[in-house]
Amino acid sequence: MKPILLQALGYAGALSMVLCVFLVLRKHSALRAAHQCKGSVLKHVARQSEKKGVVGVVYALKIGYQDHHGVAHEFTTSSASNPPSAKVGSSVTVFHHTDGSSADVLIFQELYLGYWIWFCIGVWIVGCIAGPYLLPRIYAR
């Protein structure tokens, strides 16, 4: 890969952190505005996972809850893990959004794991870009 293309990709990755922070703040605002409801894990939903050619099973959570009007809802989390992130019958906090968007559950991997990975990769890219300029200023006498 040509150095100029690699440098452009690095700057694009570093600048994408602005979008990442914006999306995290938007998610935070939506969660703060949502109604919090008590829900419970109804069952584990098995999904096939393939990583490096190895097929395995991961488990999403099927969650049931009642909103602030007493209407019953169920949803399945978009994230999945093995072992599951909560046991069947566990009590969980559910965020019921009044704008009609899908509910969220108070589990880190469900809410913020993707953003966290994005942010960490962005910090790494910024370090790779800024390091060669900062090191001489820090250590050269």
N, C-alpha and C. Protein backbone atom coordinates (compact mmCIF):
# COMPACT_ATOMS: atom_id res chain seq x y z
N MET A 1 0.86 -1.17 0.00
CA MET A 1 0.00 0.00 0.00
C MET A 1 0.91 1.24 0.00
N LYS A 2 0.55 2.22 -0.79
CA LYS A 2 1.36 3.43 -0.89
C LYS A 2 1.27 4.23 0.41
N PRO A 3 2.37 4.85 0.83
CA PRO A 3 2.38 5.59 2.10
C PRO A 3 1.33 6.69 2.17
N ILE A 4 1.08 7.37 1.07
CA ILE A 4 0.09 8.46 1.10
C ILE A 4 -1.31 7.92 1.35
N LEU A 5 -1.61 6.75 0.77
CA LEU A 5 -2.92 6.14 0.98
C LEU A 5 -3.04 5.67 2.43
N LEU A 6 -1.98 5.08 2.95
CA LEU A 6 -1.98 4.63 4.34
C LEU A 6 -2.14 5.81 5.29
N GLN A 7 -1.46 6.90 4.98
CA GLN A 7 -1.57 8.11 5.81
C GLN A 7 -2.99 8.67 5.76
N ALA A 8 -3.60 8.68 4.57
CA ALA A 8 -4.98 9.17 4.43
C ALA A 8 -5.95 8.29 5.22
N LEU A 9 -5.74 6.98 5.16
CA LEU A 9 -6.59 6.07 5.94
C LEU A 9 -6.41 6.32 7.43
N GLY A 10 -5.19 6.58 7.85
CA GLY A 10 -4.93 6.87 9.26
C GLY A 10 -5.64 8.13 9.72
N TYR A 11 -5.54 9.18 8.93
CA TYR A 11 -6.23 10.43 9.28
C TYR A 11 -7.75 10.24 9.28
N ALA A 12 -8.26 9.48 8.33
CA ALA A 12 -9.71 9.21 8.30
C ALA A 12 -10.14 8.44 9.54
N GLY A 13 -9.33 7.45 9.93
CA GLY A 13 -9.64 6.68 11.14
C GLY A 13 -9.59 7.55 12.38
N ALA A 14 -8.61 8.41 12.46
CA ALA A 14 -8.49 9.31 13.62
C ALA A 14 -9.66 10.29 13.67
N LEU A 15 -10.02 10.85 12.52
CA LEU A 15 -11.13 11.80 12.48
C LEU A 15 -12.48 11.13 12.75
N SER A 16 -12.56 9.82 12.47
CA SER A 16 -13.82 9.12 12.72
C SER A 16 -14.15 9.07 14.21
N MET A 17 -13.16 9.33 15.06
CA MET A 17 -13.42 9.36 16.50
C MET A 17 -14.41 10.46 16.86
N VAL A 18 -14.44 11.52 16.09
CA VAL A 18 -15.41 12.59 16.35
C VAL A 18 -16.82 12.04 16.18
N LEU A 19 -17.04 11.26 15.11
CA LEU A 19 -18.34 10.63 14.88
C LEU A 19 -18.64 9.63 16.00
N CYS A 20 -17.65 8.88 16.42
CA CYS A 20 -17.83 7.90 17.50
C CYS A 20 -18.30 8.60 18.78
N VAL A 21 -17.63 9.66 19.15
CA VAL A 21 -17.99 10.39 20.37
C VAL A 21 -19.40 10.98 20.23
N PHE A 22 -19.73 11.52 19.06
CA PHE A 22 -21.07 12.04 18.82
C PHE A 22 -22.13 10.95 19.01
N LEU A 23 -21.89 9.77 18.46
CA LEU A 23 -22.85 8.67 18.57
C LEU A 23 -22.99 8.18 20.00
N VAL A 24 -21.89 8.15 20.74
CA VAL A 24 -21.94 7.75 22.15
C VAL A 24 -22.76 8.77 22.95
N LEU A 25 -22.54 10.04 22.71
CA LEU A 25 -23.31 11.07 23.42
C LEU A 25 -24.78 11.02 23.05
N ARG A 26 -25.07 10.75 21.79
CA ARG A 26 -26.47 10.62 21.35
C ARG A 26 -27.13 9.42 22.03
N LYS A 27 -26.41 8.31 22.11
CA LYS A 27 -26.92 7.10 22.78
C LYS A 27 -27.16 7.39 24.25
N HIS A 28 -26.20 8.07 24.89
CA HIS A 28 -26.33 8.43 26.29
C HIS A 28 -27.57 9.30 26.53
N SER A 29 -27.76 10.27 25.67
CA SER A 29 -28.93 11.15 25.79
C SER A 29 -30.23 10.37 25.64
N ALA A 30 -30.27 9.46 24.68
CA ALA A 30 -31.47 8.65 24.46
C ALA A 30 -31.75 7.75 25.67
N LEU A 31 -30.70 7.19 26.26
CA LEU A 31 -30.88 6.34 27.43
C LEU A 31 -31.37 7.14 28.63
N ARG A 32 -30.85 8.35 28.79
CA ARG A 32 -31.28 9.19 29.91
C ARG A 32 -32.75 9.60 29.77
N ALA A 33 -33.22 9.76 28.51
CA ALA A 33 -34.61 10.18 28.27
C ALA A 33 -35.59 9.01 28.28
N ALA A 34 -35.10 7.79 28.15
CA ALA A 34 -35.98 6.62 28.06
C ALA A 34 -36.58 6.27 29.42
N HIS A 35 -37.71 5.57 29.37
CA HIS A 35 -38.30 5.05 30.61
C HIS A 35 -37.55 3.78 31.00
N GLN A 36 -37.18 3.68 32.27
CA GLN A 36 -36.51 2.48 32.75
C GLN A 36 -37.56 1.52 33.30
N CYS A 37 -37.47 0.29 32.84
CA CYS A 37 -38.42 -0.74 33.26
C CYS A 37 -37.63 -1.94 33.75
N LYS A 38 -38.23 -2.70 34.64
CA LYS A 38 -37.62 -3.96 35.07
C LYS A 38 -38.07 -5.05 34.10
N GLY A 39 -37.10 -5.79 33.63
CA GLY A 39 -37.39 -6.90 32.74
C GLY A 39 -36.70 -8.14 33.24
N SER A 40 -36.93 -9.24 32.53
CA SER A 40 -36.25 -10.48 32.91
C SER A 40 -35.85 -11.23 31.65
N VAL A 41 -34.79 -12.01 31.79
CA VAL A 41 -34.30 -12.83 30.68
C VAL A 41 -35.22 -14.04 30.58
N LEU A 42 -35.90 -14.16 29.43
CA LEU A 42 -36.84 -15.26 29.23
C LEU A 42 -36.15 -16.53 28.75
N LYS A 43 -35.19 -16.36 27.84
CA LYS A 43 -34.46 -17.52 27.34
C LYS A 43 -33.22 -17.05 26.60
N HIS A 44 -32.36 -18.00 26.31
CA HIS A 44 -31.18 -17.75 25.49
C HIS A 44 -31.50 -18.17 24.06
N VAL A 45 -31.14 -17.33 23.11
CA VAL A 45 -31.37 -17.62 21.70
C VAL A 45 -30.02 -17.97 21.08
N ALA A 46 -29.88 -19.21 20.65
CA ALA A 46 -28.61 -19.68 20.09
C ALA A 46 -28.41 -19.14 18.68
N ARG A 47 -27.20 -18.73 18.39
CA ARG A 47 -26.82 -18.25 17.05
C ARG A 47 -25.50 -18.91 16.66
N GLN A 48 -25.35 -19.18 15.39
CA GLN A 48 -24.09 -19.73 14.90
C GLN A 48 -23.06 -18.61 14.81
N SER A 49 -21.85 -18.91 15.18
CA SER A 49 -20.76 -17.95 15.10
C SER A 49 -19.58 -18.65 14.45
N GLU A 50 -18.95 -17.95 13.51
CA GLU A 50 -17.76 -18.50 12.88
C GLU A 50 -16.63 -17.51 13.05
N LYS A 51 -15.57 -17.99 13.68
CA LYS A 51 -14.41 -17.14 13.94
C LYS A 51 -13.17 -17.92 13.53
N LYS A 52 -12.46 -17.40 12.56
CA LYS A 52 -11.24 -18.04 12.05
C LYS A 52 -11.50 -19.47 11.62
N GLY A 53 -12.64 -19.69 10.99
CA GLY A 53 -12.97 -21.01 10.46
C GLY A 53 -13.54 -21.97 11.48
N VAL A 54 -13.60 -21.57 12.74
CA VAL A 54 -14.15 -22.44 13.78
C VAL A 54 -15.60 -22.02 14.03
N VAL A 55 -16.51 -22.98 13.90
CA VAL A 55 -17.93 -22.71 14.10
C VAL A 55 -18.27 -22.97 15.56
N GLY A 56 -18.99 -22.05 16.15
CA GLY A 56 -19.40 -22.19 17.55
C GLY A 56 -20.79 -21.62 17.73
N VAL A 57 -21.24 -21.64 18.95
CA VAL A 57 -22.57 -21.12 19.27
C VAL A 57 -22.42 -19.98 20.27
N VAL A 58 -23.11 -18.88 20.01
CA VAL A 58 -23.21 -17.77 20.95
C VAL A 58 -24.68 -17.57 21.28
N TYR A 59 -24.94 -16.89 22.38
CA TYR A 59 -26.31 -16.78 22.86
C TYR A 59 -26.72 -15.32 23.04
N ALA A 60 -27.78 -14.94 22.34
CA ALA A 60 -28.42 -13.64 22.56
C ALA A 60 -29.45 -13.83 23.67
N LEU A 61 -29.94 -12.74 24.21
CA LEU A 61 -30.93 -12.82 25.28
C LEU A 61 -32.30 -12.43 24.76
N LYS A 62 -33.30 -13.23 25.06
CA LYS A 62 -34.69 -12.83 24.80
C LYS A 62 -35.21 -12.26 26.11
N ILE A 63 -35.61 -11.00 26.06
CA ILE A 63 -35.99 -10.27 27.27
C ILE A 63 -37.46 -9.86 27.20
N GLY A 64 -38.15 -10.03 28.30
CA GLY A 64 -39.53 -9.60 28.43
C GLY A 64 -39.64 -8.52 29.49
N TYR A 65 -40.52 -7.56 29.24
CA TYR A 65 -40.72 -6.47 30.22
C TYR A 65 -42.07 -5.82 29.97
N GLN A 66 -42.52 -5.04 30.94
CA GLN A 66 -43.72 -4.23 30.78
C GLN A 66 -43.31 -2.77 30.80
N ASP A 67 -43.85 -2.00 29.83
CA ASP A 67 -43.51 -0.58 29.79
C ASP A 67 -44.27 0.17 30.87
N HIS A 68 -44.10 1.48 30.91
CA HIS A 68 -44.71 2.31 31.96
C HIS A 68 -46.24 2.37 31.88
N HIS A 69 -46.81 1.89 30.76
CA HIS A 69 -48.27 1.82 30.61
C HIS A 69 -48.79 0.42 30.93
N GLY A 70 -47.90 -0.50 31.28
CA GLY A 70 -48.30 -1.86 31.62
C GLY A 70 -48.42 -2.79 30.41
N VAL A 71 -47.97 -2.34 29.24
CA VAL A 71 -48.03 -3.16 28.04
C VAL A 71 -46.80 -4.08 28.00
N ALA A 72 -47.04 -5.36 27.76
CA ALA A 72 -45.95 -6.35 27.73
C ALA A 72 -45.21 -6.29 26.40
N HIS A 73 -43.88 -6.39 26.47
CA HIS A 73 -43.02 -6.38 25.29
C HIS A 73 -41.97 -7.48 25.43
N GLU A 74 -41.50 -7.95 24.29
CA GLU A 74 -40.38 -8.88 24.24
C GLU A 74 -39.44 -8.44 23.13
N PHE A 75 -38.15 -8.64 23.33
CA PHE A 75 -37.17 -8.38 22.27
C PHE A 75 -35.95 -9.26 22.50
N THR A 76 -35.19 -9.45 21.43
CA THR A 76 -33.96 -10.22 21.50
C THR A 76 -32.80 -9.26 21.29
N THR A 77 -31.78 -9.38 22.12
CA THR A 77 -30.63 -8.48 22.02
C THR A 77 -29.90 -8.71 20.70
N SER A 78 -29.26 -7.68 20.22
CA SER A 78 -28.50 -7.81 18.97
C SER A 78 -27.13 -8.41 19.22
N SER A 79 -26.60 -8.27 20.43
CA SER A 79 -25.30 -8.87 20.75
C SER A 79 -25.52 -10.27 21.31
N ALA A 80 -24.50 -11.08 21.18
CA ALA A 80 -24.55 -12.45 21.69
C ALA A 80 -23.17 -12.83 22.20
N SER A 81 -23.12 -13.74 23.15
CA SER A 81 -21.83 -14.16 23.71
C SER A 81 -21.93 -15.60 24.19
N ASN A 82 -20.78 -16.17 24.47
CA ASN A 82 -20.73 -17.49 25.06
C ASN A 82 -19.66 -17.45 26.13
N PRO A 83 -20.00 -17.52 27.39
CA PRO A 83 -21.32 -17.80 27.95
C PRO A 83 -22.25 -16.60 27.81
N PRO A 84 -23.56 -16.83 27.94
CA PRO A 84 -24.51 -15.72 27.83
C PRO A 84 -24.23 -14.63 28.88
N SER A 85 -24.57 -13.40 28.55
CA SER A 85 -24.27 -12.28 29.44
C SER A 85 -25.18 -12.22 30.66
N ALA A 86 -26.26 -12.99 30.69
CA ALA A 86 -27.14 -13.05 31.87
C ALA A 86 -27.84 -14.41 31.88
N LYS A 87 -28.17 -14.88 33.06
CA LYS A 87 -28.84 -16.17 33.21
C LYS A 87 -30.33 -16.03 32.95
N VAL A 88 -30.96 -17.12 32.52
CA VAL A 88 -32.41 -17.14 32.35
C VAL A 88 -33.05 -16.86 33.71
N GLY A 89 -34.02 -15.96 33.71
CA GLY A 89 -34.69 -15.56 34.95
C GLY A 89 -34.06 -14.36 35.62
N SER A 90 -32.89 -13.94 35.16
CA SER A 90 -32.23 -12.77 35.76
C SER A 90 -33.04 -11.51 35.52
N SER A 91 -33.01 -10.63 36.50
CA SER A 91 -33.65 -9.33 36.37
C SER A 91 -32.69 -8.38 35.66
N VAL A 92 -33.19 -7.62 34.69
CA VAL A 92 -32.38 -6.66 33.95
C VAL A 92 -33.14 -5.34 33.86
N THR A 93 -32.38 -4.27 33.68
CA THR A 93 -32.99 -2.96 33.46
C THR A 93 -33.13 -2.75 31.96
N VAL A 94 -34.34 -2.41 31.55
CA VAL A 94 -34.65 -2.19 30.14
C VAL A 94 -34.97 -0.71 29.95
N PHE A 95 -34.45 -0.14 28.87
CA PHE A 95 -34.75 1.24 28.50
C PHE A 95 -35.79 1.22 27.39
N HIS A 96 -37.00 1.69 27.71
CA HIS A 96 -38.08 1.76 26.73
C HIS A 96 -38.11 3.18 26.16
N HIS A 97 -37.78 3.29 24.88
CA HIS A 97 -37.71 4.61 24.24
C HIS A 97 -39.09 5.06 23.80
N THR A 98 -39.42 6.30 24.12
CA THR A 98 -40.74 6.84 23.78
C THR A 98 -40.86 7.19 22.30
N ASP A 99 -39.73 7.28 21.58
CA ASP A 99 -39.80 7.62 20.16
C ASP A 99 -40.09 6.40 19.28
N GLY A 100 -40.28 5.23 19.90
CA GLY A 100 -40.62 4.04 19.13
C GLY A 100 -39.43 3.20 18.70
N SER A 101 -38.21 3.66 18.98
CA SER A 101 -37.04 2.85 18.61
C SER A 101 -36.97 1.62 19.52
N SER A 102 -36.22 0.64 19.09
CA SER A 102 -36.17 -0.62 19.83
C SER A 102 -35.58 -0.42 21.22
N ALA A 103 -36.03 -1.24 22.14
CA ALA A 103 -35.60 -1.15 23.53
C ALA A 103 -34.13 -1.52 23.67
N ASP A 104 -33.53 -1.04 24.73
CA ASP A 104 -32.15 -1.37 25.07
C ASP A 104 -32.13 -2.00 26.45
N VAL A 105 -31.10 -2.79 26.70
CA VAL A 105 -30.93 -3.41 28.01
C VAL A 105 -29.60 -2.93 28.60
N LEU A 106 -29.57 -2.78 29.91
CA LEU A 106 -28.39 -2.25 30.59
C LEU A 106 -27.32 -3.34 30.73
N ILE A 107 -26.70 -3.64 29.60
CA ILE A 107 -25.57 -4.57 29.52
C ILE A 107 -24.54 -3.90 28.65
N PHE A 108 -23.30 -3.77 29.15
CA PHE A 108 -22.27 -3.00 28.45
C PHE A 108 -22.09 -3.44 27.01
N GLN A 109 -21.97 -4.76 26.77
CA GLN A 109 -21.71 -5.22 25.41
C GLN A 109 -22.85 -4.86 24.47
N GLU A 110 -24.03 -4.76 24.99
CA GLU A 110 -25.19 -4.40 24.16
C GLU A 110 -25.21 -2.91 23.85
N LEU A 111 -24.84 -2.09 24.82
CA LEU A 111 -24.93 -0.64 24.65
C LEU A 111 -23.68 -0.01 24.03
N TYR A 112 -22.50 -0.37 24.53
CA TYR A 112 -21.32 0.42 24.21
C TYR A 112 -20.10 -0.36 23.71
N LEU A 113 -20.12 -1.67 23.64
CA LEU A 113 -18.92 -2.41 23.27
C LEU A 113 -18.41 -2.03 21.89
N GLY A 114 -19.28 -1.93 20.92
CA GLY A 114 -18.87 -1.54 19.56
C GLY A 114 -18.22 -0.17 19.53
N TYR A 115 -18.82 0.77 20.24
CA TYR A 115 -18.25 2.12 20.31
C TYR A 115 -16.91 2.09 21.02
N TRP A 116 -16.77 1.28 22.08
CA TRP A 116 -15.54 1.20 22.84
C TRP A 116 -14.41 0.67 21.96
N ILE A 117 -14.68 -0.36 21.19
CA ILE A 117 -13.67 -0.91 20.29
C ILE A 117 -13.27 0.14 19.25
N TRP A 118 -14.26 0.80 18.67
CA TRP A 118 -14.01 1.87 17.69
C TRP A 118 -13.12 2.95 18.30
N PHE A 119 -13.46 3.40 19.51
CA PHE A 119 -12.70 4.46 20.17
C PHE A 119 -11.26 4.02 20.45
N CYS A 120 -11.09 2.80 20.94
CA CYS A 120 -9.74 2.30 21.25
C CYS A 120 -8.88 2.21 19.99
N ILE A 121 -9.46 1.74 18.90
CA ILE A 121 -8.72 1.69 17.64
C ILE A 121 -8.37 3.10 17.18
N GLY A 122 -9.29 4.04 17.36
CA GLY A 122 -9.03 5.44 17.01
C GLY A 122 -7.89 6.03 17.83
N VAL A 123 -7.85 5.73 19.12
CA VAL A 123 -6.76 6.22 19.98
C VAL A 123 -5.44 5.61 19.52
N TRP A 124 -5.46 4.35 19.17
CA TRP A 124 -4.25 3.69 18.67
C TRP A 124 -3.76 4.37 17.38
N ILE A 125 -4.69 4.67 16.48
CA ILE A 125 -4.32 5.34 15.22
C ILE A 125 -3.74 6.72 15.50
N VAL A 126 -4.37 7.47 16.39
CA VAL A 126 -3.86 8.80 16.75
C VAL A 126 -2.46 8.68 17.34
N GLY A 127 -2.24 7.68 18.18
CA GLY A 127 -0.91 7.46 18.74
C GLY A 127 0.12 7.15 17.67
N CYS A 128 -0.27 6.35 16.67
CA CYS A 128 0.65 6.03 15.57
C CYS A 128 0.97 7.26 14.72
N ILE A 129 -0.01 8.13 14.56
CA ILE A 129 0.20 9.34 13.76
C ILE A 129 1.01 10.37 14.55
N ALA A 130 0.64 10.58 15.80
CA ALA A 130 1.26 11.64 16.60
C ALA A 130 2.59 11.23 17.22
N GLY A 131 2.80 9.95 17.44
CA GLY A 131 4.02 9.47 18.10
C GLY A 131 5.31 9.97 17.50
N PRO A 132 5.50 9.84 16.19
CA PRO A 132 6.76 10.30 15.61
C PRO A 132 7.01 11.81 15.79
N TYR A 133 5.96 12.60 15.93
CA TYR A 133 6.13 14.04 16.14
C TYR A 133 6.33 14.38 17.62
N LEU A 134 5.70 13.60 18.50
CA LEU A 134 5.77 13.89 19.92
C LEU A 134 7.04 13.39 20.59
N LEU A 135 7.53 12.23 20.19
CA LEU A 135 8.70 11.65 20.86
C LEU A 135 9.93 12.57 20.84
N PRO A 136 10.28 13.16 19.70
CA PRO A 136 11.44 14.08 19.73
C PRO A 136 11.21 15.28 20.65
N ARG A 137 9.98 15.78 20.69
CA ARG A 137 9.69 16.93 21.55
C ARG A 137 9.75 16.56 23.04
N ILE A 138 9.45 15.30 23.34
CA ILE A 138 9.46 14.86 24.74
C ILE A 138 10.88 14.53 25.20
N TYR A 139 11.65 13.82 24.33
CA TYR A 139 12.93 13.28 24.79
C TYR A 139 14.18 13.99 24.28
N ALA A 140 14.07 14.70 23.18
CA ALA A 140 15.29 15.38 22.65
C ALA A 140 15.62 16.58 23.51
N ARG A 141 16.91 16.76 23.77
CA ARG A 141 17.35 17.89 24.60
C ARG A 141 18.05 18.91 23.77
